[in-house]
Amino acid sequence: MNISHVIMIRQFASTCQSSIMTMTPFLQLLLSLVIILVAAKAAGYLSTLARQPSVLGELLVGLLLGPSLLNMHHWPVFTSAHLEETIALFSELGVLLLMFVAGLELHLGELLRNSKVSVSAGLLGVLLPAGLGMGVGLAFGLPPYHAIFLGLTLGATSVSISAQTLIELKALRSRVGLGLLGAAVLDDILVILFLSIFLALVQGSGGFWPVVWIFLRILLFLAGSAALGIWVLPYILRKVSRLPVSQGVLTLGLVVTFGYGLAAELVGSVAAITGAFMAGLMFARSPEKERLERGVYALAYGLFVPIFFVHIGLSVDLRMLDLQAVWLLLAIVAVAVLGKWIGAGGGARLAGFSWRESAQLGAGMVSRGEVGLILATVGIDNGLMDETLFSDIVGMVLVTTLVTPLLLRFLFSRHHPGGIALQTVRGEEEAV
């Protein structure tokens, strides 16, 4: 290589560096998406090679790219002030689509037939970890309000991680999968109710009627979404499917999903993911289900869902963890895992599940995911926890989010001693 070639290479490298460092916010977004998607799929593939759910790899690579290690979005190339916020919004769309897919794979009748175990597991899965969490908080000298809020945070469940893992394991329509999803919906309702009551009391606006109003709003949303889905949606779907427009059914599915998510937050005071799950249940009854599935799967798993799982890791900063409060952190993690596992699993056992099925369902309820982070943010914004407790809860969310896929994989694995055959709701046996 002569001197002229070296000079040209240096000039080219300098030009590329200059172009990269002066990228517009849009180009920075494109670069961020390229990194996230490539890393997510590569990590997911490596995770499957290790006989683990792909979601575990996606969570871990998010942690690698996040502020705990590489701090990707603070590299010199990323100067956009709104980049992290935009990725977070993409992530929220991802979890909505994930829960829509979960609902799409089920049938409302199947879910209702498992209502007994859903109620039992959902109720005990909230009460036991919440009670233990309050006890841990008081034992470590936290103020009573902080201890109560800690308990409420530990009572929450984020089913999105479990839903994705069960989809990969082809166990979503098993008795365990149906019971888990029903319990998670009830869990969401109960935690919202308890949190609303607690905040009303703390803020001095407590009373009987505010609580009744919250309950009525939840019932209004559930009844209204079911009525629209059963009687109105089929008519609209038939009309749209005949229109000479591109991807009309897919567009309708997305509109209903986002509309249900919006209504869940504004009308029902529950999480938007509950609305998305309800939307999926409504479309599961449709003759256009398979056509809709193809479009939603491509959109969800090609773009938004991987961003959601990576973003969980991106939003966690292990440097926030207070080493001086390590014993409190360990206690919170222990209560979060064992309290939810035993509580939800015990409820499933009381409802007639086998010991193995109960253990599987309880494990699926362990993850706190984005719901735990949202509740922690509410707590610190309202002065119900300090920075140390907030950091410990962030650590708990990270541990439970990472351990849930591992637990489910182990409990459902065919290589687990004795093997596992799942009894589906239609009576056939499905090997997982």
Protein backbone atom coordinates (compact mmCIF):
# COMPACT_ATOMS: atom_id res chain seq x y z
CA MET A 1 0.00 0.00 0.00
CA ASN A 2 1.55 3.31 -1.07
CA ILE A 3 1.34 6.68 0.65
CA SER A 4 -1.50 7.98 -1.55
CA HIS A 5 -3.70 5.03 -0.58
CA VAL A 6 -3.04 5.67 3.11
CA ILE A 7 -3.94 9.33 2.70
CA MET A 8 -7.19 8.45 0.90
CA ILE A 9 -8.15 6.00 3.61
CA ARG A 10 -7.47 8.58 6.30
CA GLN A 11 -9.51 11.18 4.44
CA PHE A 12 -12.37 8.74 4.01
CA ALA A 13 -12.28 7.81 7.71
CA SER A 14 -12.19 11.48 8.69
CA THR A 15 -15.17 12.23 6.43
CA CYS A 16 -17.15 9.32 7.88
CA GLN A 17 -16.34 10.41 11.42
CA SER A 18 -17.39 13.97 10.67
CA SER A 19 -20.66 12.80 9.09
CA ILE A 20 -21.45 10.52 12.02
CA MET A 21 -20.77 13.21 14.61
CA THR A 22 -23.13 15.64 12.85
CA MET A 23 -26.06 13.29 12.28
CA THR A 24 -29.58 14.67 12.50
CA PRO A 25 -31.89 13.41 15.29
CA PHE A 26 -33.66 11.19 12.76
CA LEU A 27 -30.43 9.53 11.66
CA GLN A 28 -29.46 9.06 15.31
CA LEU A 29 -32.79 7.30 15.87
CA LEU A 30 -32.10 5.03 12.90
CA LEU A 31 -28.64 4.17 14.25
CA SER A 32 -30.08 3.44 17.70
CA LEU A 33 -32.73 1.15 16.22
CA VAL A 34 -30.11 -0.67 14.13
CA ILE A 35 -27.96 -1.33 17.21
CA ILE A 36 -30.91 -2.40 19.38
CA LEU A 37 -32.49 -4.72 16.81
CA VAL A 38 -29.23 -6.41 15.78
CA ALA A 39 -28.17 -6.83 19.40
CA ALA A 40 -31.62 -8.15 20.40
CA LYS A 41 -31.79 -10.79 17.68
CA ALA A 42 -28.16 -11.86 18.19
CA ALA A 43 -28.61 -12.13 21.96
CA GLY A 44 -31.91 -13.96 21.52
CA TYR A 45 -30.24 -16.46 19.20
CA LEU A 46 -27.38 -17.07 21.63
CA SER A 47 -29.90 -17.52 24.42
CA THR A 48 -31.74 -20.23 22.49
CA LEU A 49 -28.42 -21.99 21.86
CA ALA A 50 -28.02 -22.10 25.64
CA ARG A 51 -31.53 -23.64 25.84
CA GLN A 52 -33.00 -20.52 27.41
CA PRO A 53 -35.88 -18.31 26.20
CA SER A 54 -34.76 -15.67 23.72
CA VAL A 55 -36.27 -12.97 25.91
CA LEU A 56 -33.54 -13.60 28.50
CA GLY A 57 -30.84 -12.70 25.98
CA GLU A 58 -32.74 -9.58 24.94
CA LEU A 59 -33.03 -8.44 28.56
CA LEU A 60 -29.33 -9.05 29.21
CA VAL A 61 -28.17 -7.24 26.08
CA GLY A 62 -30.32 -4.28 27.14
CA LEU A 63 -28.48 -4.30 30.45
CA LEU A 64 -25.16 -4.44 28.57
CA LEU A 65 -26.07 -1.46 26.35
CA GLY A 66 -27.63 0.51 29.21
CA PRO A 67 -26.14 2.93 31.74
CA SER A 68 -24.96 0.04 33.93
CA LEU A 69 -22.19 -0.84 31.43
CA LEU A 70 -21.82 0.67 27.92
CA ASN A 71 -24.35 3.53 28.34
CA MET A 72 -25.12 3.51 24.62
CA HIS A 73 -27.33 6.57 24.43
CA HIS A 74 -24.63 8.74 25.99
CA TRP A 75 -22.02 7.98 23.33
CA PRO A 76 -20.77 11.13 21.54
CA VAL A 77 -22.64 10.14 18.37
CA PHE A 78 -26.02 10.39 20.17
CA THR A 79 -26.73 14.05 20.88
CA SER A 80 -30.52 14.14 20.45
CA ALA A 81 -32.24 15.19 23.67
CA HIS A 82 -35.35 13.17 22.82
CA LEU A 83 -33.75 9.93 21.64
CA GLU A 84 -34.20 7.97 24.87
CA GLU A 85 -37.79 9.19 25.19
CA THR A 86 -38.54 8.07 21.62
CA ILE A 87 -37.09 4.61 22.24
CA ALA A 88 -39.18 4.39 25.42
CA LEU A 89 -42.33 5.19 23.42
CA PHE A 90 -41.43 2.49 20.87
CA SER A 91 -41.01 0.14 23.82
CA GLU A 92 -44.48 0.93 25.16
CA LEU A 93 -45.96 0.15 21.75
CA GLY A 94 -44.07 -3.13 21.89
CA VAL A 95 -45.61 -4.25 25.17
CA LEU A 96 -49.09 -3.32 23.91
CA LEU A 97 -48.59 -5.44 20.77
CA LEU A 98 -47.15 -8.29 22.85
CA MET A 99 -50.23 -8.42 25.08
CA PHE A 100 -52.50 -8.14 22.04
CA VAL A 101 -50.76 -11.20 20.56
CA ALA A 102 -51.19 -13.02 23.89
CA GLY A 103 -54.92 -12.29 23.88
CA LEU A 104 -55.17 -13.19 20.19
CA GLU A 105 -53.89 -16.70 20.92
CA LEU A 106 -56.64 -17.34 23.46
CA HIS A 107 -60.41 -17.41 23.55
CA LEU A 108 -62.62 -15.60 26.03
CA GLY A 109 -64.48 -18.82 26.81
CA GLU A 110 -61.23 -20.61 27.59
CA LEU A 111 -60.20 -17.84 29.94
CA LEU A 112 -63.55 -17.84 31.74
CA ARG A 113 -63.40 -21.60 32.24
CA ASN A 114 -60.25 -21.01 34.26
CA SER A 115 -61.71 -18.14 36.29
CA LYS A 116 -61.59 -20.08 39.57
CA VAL A 117 -57.83 -20.50 39.51
CA SER A 118 -57.36 -16.97 38.15
CA VAL A 119 -59.25 -15.46 41.09
CA SER A 120 -57.55 -17.62 43.70
CA ALA A 121 -54.03 -17.18 42.31
CA GLY A 122 -54.51 -13.48 41.58
CA LEU A 123 -55.87 -12.69 45.06
CA LEU A 124 -53.26 -14.60 47.07
CA GLY A 125 -50.57 -13.50 44.61
CA VAL A 126 -51.23 -9.91 45.67
CA LEU A 127 -52.00 -10.28 49.37
CA LEU A 128 -49.08 -12.49 50.42
CA PRO A 129 -46.15 -10.54 48.85
CA ALA A 130 -47.81 -7.24 49.78
CA GLY A 131 -48.16 -8.31 53.42
CA LEU A 132 -44.63 -9.71 53.56
CA GLY A 133 -43.28 -6.57 51.90
CA MET A 134 -44.91 -4.36 54.53
CA GLY A 135 -43.43 -6.57 57.25
CA VAL A 136 -39.93 -6.34 55.74
CA GLY A 137 -40.21 -2.57 55.48
CA LEU A 138 -41.26 -2.19 59.12
CA ALA A 139 -38.57 -4.65 60.25
CA PHE A 140 -35.90 -2.52 58.57
CA GLY A 141 -37.19 0.64 60.21
CA LEU A 142 -38.94 2.24 57.26
CA PRO A 143 -41.71 4.78 57.99
CA PRO A 144 -45.16 3.13 57.95
CA TYR A 145 -46.24 4.82 54.70
CA HIS A 146 -43.00 3.74 52.98
CA ALA A 147 -43.45 0.17 54.23
CA ILE A 148 -47.04 0.03 52.96
CA PHE A 149 -46.05 1.34 49.54
CA LEU A 150 -43.22 -1.18 49.36
CA GLY A 151 -45.79 -3.92 49.97
CA LEU A 152 -48.05 -2.58 47.20
CA THR A 153 -45.09 -2.54 44.79
CA LEU A 154 -44.28 -6.17 45.61
CA GLY A 155 -47.93 -7.13 45.03
CA ALA A 156 -47.74 -6.07 41.36
CA THR A 157 -47.09 -8.41 38.42
CA SER A 158 -45.84 -7.76 34.89
CA VAL A 159 -47.08 -10.64 32.78
CA SER A 160 -45.49 -9.50 29.51
CA ILE A 161 -42.23 -11.34 30.23
CA SER A 162 -44.08 -14.53 31.16
CA ALA A 163 -46.43 -14.25 28.18
CA GLN A 164 -43.51 -14.08 25.75
CA THR A 165 -41.78 -17.02 27.44
CA LEU A 166 -44.95 -19.13 27.36
CA ILE A 167 -45.44 -18.30 23.68
CA GLU A 168 -41.92 -19.56 22.97
CA LEU A 169 -42.60 -22.69 25.03
CA LYS A 170 -45.95 -23.22 23.23
CA ALA A 171 -47.67 -23.25 26.60
CA LEU A 172 -49.79 -20.11 26.44
CA ARG A 173 -53.01 -22.09 25.88
CA SER A 174 -52.27 -24.64 28.55
CA ARG A 175 -54.23 -24.60 31.81
CA VAL A 176 -51.25 -22.87 33.40
CA GLY A 177 -51.04 -20.22 30.70
CA LEU A 178 -54.76 -19.41 30.84
CA GLY A 179 -54.77 -19.31 34.63
CA LEU A 180 -51.67 -17.11 34.63
CA LEU A 181 -53.12 -14.52 32.25
CA GLY A 182 -56.42 -14.36 34.11
CA ALA A 183 -54.61 -14.00 37.45
CA ALA A 184 -52.42 -11.23 36.01
CA VAL A 185 -55.48 -9.23 34.88
CA LEU A 186 -57.03 -9.55 38.36
CA ASP A 187 -53.65 -8.68 39.89
CA ASP A 188 -53.56 -5.46 37.86
CA ILE A 189 -57.08 -4.51 39.00
CA LEU A 190 -56.41 -5.26 42.68
CA VAL A 191 -53.10 -3.36 42.82
CA ILE A 192 -54.67 -0.33 41.10
CA LEU A 193 -57.55 -0.40 43.60
CA PHE A 194 -55.28 -0.72 46.63
CA LEU A 195 -52.88 1.92 45.32
CA SER A 196 -55.70 4.36 44.60
CA ILE A 197 -57.15 3.85 48.08
CA PHE A 198 -53.75 4.32 49.69
CA LEU A 199 -52.91 7.50 47.74
CA ALA A 200 -56.35 8.93 48.53
CA LEU A 201 -55.78 8.35 52.25
CA VAL A 202 -52.25 9.78 52.18
CA GLN A 203 -53.32 12.86 50.22
CA GLY A 204 -56.27 13.46 52.53
CA SER A 205 -58.95 12.77 49.93
CA GLY A 206 -59.96 9.39 51.27
CA GLY A 207 -63.49 8.24 51.77
CA PHE A 208 -65.99 5.67 50.67
CA TRP A 209 -67.20 7.20 47.42
CA PRO A 210 -63.82 7.74 45.72
CA VAL A 211 -63.09 4.04 46.16
CA VAL A 212 -66.53 3.09 44.82
CA TRP A 213 -65.97 5.35 41.83
CA ILE A 214 -62.65 3.67 40.99
CA PHE A 215 -64.27 0.26 41.21
CA LEU A 216 -67.16 1.35 38.99
CA ARG A 217 -64.75 2.72 36.39
CA ILE A 218 -62.95 -0.62 36.23
CA LEU A 219 -66.26 -2.46 35.81
CA LEU A 220 -67.37 0.05 33.18
CA PHE A 221 -64.23 -0.51 31.14
CA LEU A 222 -64.37 -4.31 31.36
CA ALA A 223 -68.08 -4.48 30.53
CA GLY A 224 -67.87 -1.85 27.79
CA SER A 225 -64.84 -3.42 26.08
CA ALA A 226 -66.44 -6.87 26.19
CA ALA A 227 -69.77 -5.57 24.81
CA LEU A 228 -68.08 -3.70 21.96
CA GLY A 229 -65.91 -6.71 21.15
CA ILE A 230 -68.79 -9.23 21.15
CA TRP A 231 -71.54 -7.25 19.40
CA VAL A 232 -70.02 -4.31 17.51
CA LEU A 233 -66.54 -5.40 16.44
CA PRO A 234 -67.64 -8.41 14.29
CA TYR A 235 -69.89 -6.14 12.22
CA ILE A 236 -67.12 -3.57 11.68
CA LEU A 237 -64.62 -6.31 10.87
CA ARG A 238 -66.86 -7.80 8.18
CA LYS A 239 -67.22 -4.39 6.54
CA VAL A 240 -63.50 -3.59 6.70
CA SER A 241 -62.45 -7.00 5.34
CA ARG A 242 -64.44 -6.32 2.14
CA LEU A 243 -62.97 -2.89 1.50
CA PRO A 244 -60.45 -2.58 -1.34
CA VAL A 245 -57.78 -1.07 0.91
CA SER A 246 -54.32 -2.34 1.76
CA GLN A 247 -54.04 -4.15 5.13
CA GLY A 248 -57.44 -2.92 6.29
CA VAL A 249 -57.88 -5.75 8.83
CA LEU A 250 -54.43 -5.14 10.30
CA THR A 251 -55.09 -1.42 10.60
CA LEU A 252 -58.40 -2.10 12.34
CA GLY A 253 -56.63 -4.46 14.75
CA LEU A 254 -54.07 -1.80 15.62
CA VAL A 255 -56.72 0.91 16.01
CA VAL A 256 -58.79 -1.26 18.36
CA THR A 257 -55.68 -2.29 20.34
CA PHE A 258 -54.53 1.26 20.88
CA GLY A 259 -58.09 2.44 21.52
CA TYR A 260 -58.64 -0.25 24.15
CA GLY A 261 -55.29 0.65 25.74
CA LEU A 262 -56.29 4.30 25.83
CA ALA A 263 -59.69 3.47 27.34
CA ALA A 264 -58.09 1.20 29.94
CA GLU A 265 -56.00 4.10 31.27
CA LEU A 266 -58.53 6.94 30.93
CA VAL A 267 -61.78 5.12 31.73
CA GLY A 268 -60.83 2.03 33.69
CA SER A 269 -57.81 3.39 35.61
CA VAL A 270 -55.98 0.14 34.80
CA ALA A 271 -52.83 -0.43 32.78
CA ALA A 272 -52.97 -0.01 29.01
CA ILE A 273 -51.65 -3.56 28.60
CA THR A 274 -54.91 -4.84 30.11
CA GLY A 275 -56.81 -3.05 27.36
CA ALA A 276 -54.51 -4.48 24.68
CA PHE A 277 -55.01 -7.97 26.08
CA MET A 278 -58.79 -7.47 26.00
CA ALA A 279 -58.56 -6.35 22.37
CA GLY A 280 -56.69 -9.54 21.49
CA LEU A 281 -59.36 -11.65 23.18
CA MET A 282 -62.06 -9.94 21.13
CA PHE A 283 -60.27 -10.55 17.82
CA ALA A 284 -59.53 -14.17 18.79
CA ARG A 285 -63.21 -14.94 18.05
CA SER A 286 -62.97 -13.53 14.54
CA PRO A 287 -62.80 -15.53 11.27
CA GLU A 288 -60.09 -13.04 10.24
CA LYS A 289 -57.87 -14.11 13.13
CA GLU A 290 -55.19 -15.85 11.04
CA ARG A 291 -55.00 -12.96 8.57
CA LEU A 292 -54.60 -10.52 11.45
CA GLU A 293 -52.02 -12.72 13.18
CA ARG A 294 -49.67 -12.70 10.20
CA GLY A 295 -49.58 -8.91 10.06
CA VAL A 296 -49.35 -8.29 13.80
CA TYR A 297 -46.65 -10.93 14.34
CA ALA A 298 -44.46 -9.42 11.64
CA LEU A 299 -44.89 -5.89 13.01
CA ALA A 300 -44.54 -6.85 16.66
CA TYR A 301 -41.62 -9.28 16.56
CA GLY A 302 -39.83 -7.59 13.70
CA LEU A 303 -39.60 -4.21 15.43
CA PHE A 304 -41.48 -3.27 18.57
CA VAL A 305 -41.29 -6.29 20.90
CA PRO A 306 -37.47 -6.63 20.72
CA ILE A 307 -37.20 -2.92 21.50
CA PHE A 308 -39.44 -3.41 24.55
CA PHE A 309 -37.29 -6.15 26.06
CA VAL A 310 -34.00 -4.38 25.34
CA HIS A 311 -35.40 -1.14 26.73
CA ILE A 312 -36.04 -2.75 30.12
CA GLY A 313 -32.29 -3.25 30.41
CA LEU A 314 -31.62 0.20 29.00
CA SER A 315 -33.78 1.77 31.72
CA VAL A 316 -31.93 0.08 34.61
CA ASP A 317 -28.82 1.64 36.13
CA LEU A 318 -27.11 -0.76 38.53
CA ARG A 319 -24.95 2.11 39.74
CA MET A 320 -28.02 3.48 41.53
CA LEU A 321 -28.03 0.54 43.89
CA ASP A 322 -27.00 1.53 47.40
CA LEU A 323 -24.48 -0.99 48.72
CA GLN A 324 -25.16 0.24 52.23
CA ALA A 325 -28.73 -1.05 51.91
CA VAL A 326 -27.72 -4.43 50.46
CA TRP A 327 -29.48 -6.38 53.23
CA LEU A 328 -32.74 -4.57 52.58
CA LEU A 329 -32.29 -5.28 48.86
CA LEU A 330 -31.75 -9.00 49.50
CA ALA A 331 -34.81 -9.11 51.76
CA ILE A 332 -36.96 -7.34 49.16
CA VAL A 333 -35.79 -9.69 46.39
CA ALA A 334 -36.46 -12.76 48.56
CA VAL A 335 -39.97 -11.59 49.44
CA ALA A 336 -40.66 -10.55 45.83
CA VAL A 337 -39.74 -13.98 44.44
CA LEU A 338 -40.94 -16.30 47.19
CA GLY A 339 -44.00 -14.25 48.18
CA LYS A 340 -45.40 -14.11 44.66
CA TRP A 341 -44.38 -17.70 43.83
CA ILE A 342 -45.89 -19.17 46.98
CA GLY A 343 -48.91 -16.85 47.02
CA ALA A 344 -49.98 -17.29 43.39
CA GLY A 345 -48.88 -20.92 43.32
CA GLY A 346 -50.73 -21.62 46.58
CA GLY A 347 -53.85 -20.02 45.16
CA ALA A 348 -53.60 -22.22 42.08
CA ARG A 349 -53.19 -25.29 44.28
CA LEU A 350 -56.28 -24.38 46.31
CA ALA A 351 -58.20 -24.06 43.04
CA GLY A 352 -57.35 -27.63 42.00
CA PHE A 353 -54.10 -27.36 40.06
CA SER A 354 -51.44 -30.03 40.58
CA TRP A 355 -48.29 -29.18 42.51
CA ARG A 356 -46.32 -28.89 39.28
CA GLU A 357 -48.91 -26.68 37.58
CA SER A 358 -49.10 -24.52 40.70
CA ALA A 359 -45.32 -24.10 40.74
CA GLN A 360 -45.37 -23.13 37.05
CA LEU A 361 -48.13 -20.57 37.49
CA GLY A 362 -46.51 -19.09 40.59
CA ALA A 363 -43.19 -18.73 38.77
CA GLY A 364 -44.91 -16.97 35.89
CA MET A 365 -46.24 -14.30 38.28
CA VAL A 366 -42.82 -13.41 39.73
CA SER A 367 -41.74 -10.76 37.19
CA ARG A 368 -42.43 -7.09 38.07
CA GLY A 369 -40.98 -5.67 34.84
CA GLU A 370 -42.17 -2.27 33.67
CA VAL A 371 -45.13 -2.31 36.12
CA GLY A 372 -42.75 -2.37 39.09
CA LEU A 373 -40.75 0.54 37.67
CA ILE A 374 -43.94 2.55 37.09
CA LEU A 375 -45.11 1.97 40.67
CA ALA A 376 -41.69 2.89 42.04
CA THR A 377 -41.79 6.15 40.06
CA VAL A 378 -45.25 6.92 41.47
CA GLY A 379 -43.90 6.31 44.96
CA ILE A 380 -40.90 8.60 44.69
CA ASP A 381 -42.94 11.34 42.98
CA ASN A 382 -45.42 11.29 45.90
CA GLY A 383 -42.77 11.20 48.61
CA LEU A 384 -43.59 7.61 49.62
CA MET A 385 -40.03 6.36 49.32
CA ASP A 386 -36.51 7.76 49.37
CA GLU A 387 -33.72 7.29 46.83
CA THR A 388 -32.31 4.28 48.69
CA LEU A 389 -35.61 2.40 48.67
CA PHE A 390 -36.17 3.37 45.05
CA SER A 391 -32.79 1.93 44.10
CA ASP A 392 -33.57 -1.30 45.96
CA ILE A 393 -36.90 -1.64 44.15
CA VAL A 394 -35.15 -1.09 40.81
CA GLY A 395 -32.76 -3.90 41.76
CA MET A 396 -35.71 -6.13 42.70
CA VAL A 397 -37.41 -5.42 39.36
CA LEU A 398 -34.24 -6.36 37.50
CA VAL A 399 -33.75 -9.63 39.41
CA THR A 400 -37.38 -10.76 39.09
CA THR A 401 -37.46 -9.85 35.40
CA LEU A 402 -34.32 -11.90 34.70
CA VAL A 403 -35.20 -14.89 36.90
CA THR A 404 -38.75 -15.43 35.58
CA PRO A 405 -37.79 -16.77 32.12
CA LEU A 406 -35.22 -19.04 33.76
CA LEU A 407 -37.75 -20.44 36.22
CA LEU A 408 -40.38 -21.01 33.54
CA ARG A 409 -37.91 -22.66 31.21
CA PHE A 410 -36.76 -25.00 33.96
CA LEU A 411 -40.27 -25.90 35.12
CA PHE A 412 -41.58 -26.48 31.60
CA SER A 413 -38.48 -28.14 30.18
CA ARG A 414 -38.86 -31.64 28.79
CA HIS A 415 -35.50 -32.37 30.35
CA HIS A 416 -36.86 -31.65 33.79
CA PRO A 417 -37.01 -34.92 35.77
CA GLY A 418 -40.10 -36.81 34.78
CA GLY A 419 -40.79 -34.63 31.76
CA ILE A 420 -43.89 -32.49 31.35
CA ALA A 421 -46.99 -32.95 29.24
CA LEU A 422 -49.35 -30.01 29.26
CA GLN A 423 -53.07 -30.59 29.24
CA THR A 424 -54.60 -28.00 26.96
CA VAL A 425 -58.06 -26.63 27.35
CA ARG A 426 -59.24 -28.61 24.36
CA GLY A 427 -58.12 -31.86 25.93
CA GLU A 428 -55.17 -32.73 23.73
CA GLU A 429 -51.66 -33.15 25.05
CA GLU A 430 -49.07 -30.70 23.91
CA ALA A 431 -45.42 -31.55 24.45
CA VAL A 432 -43.36 -28.57 25.42
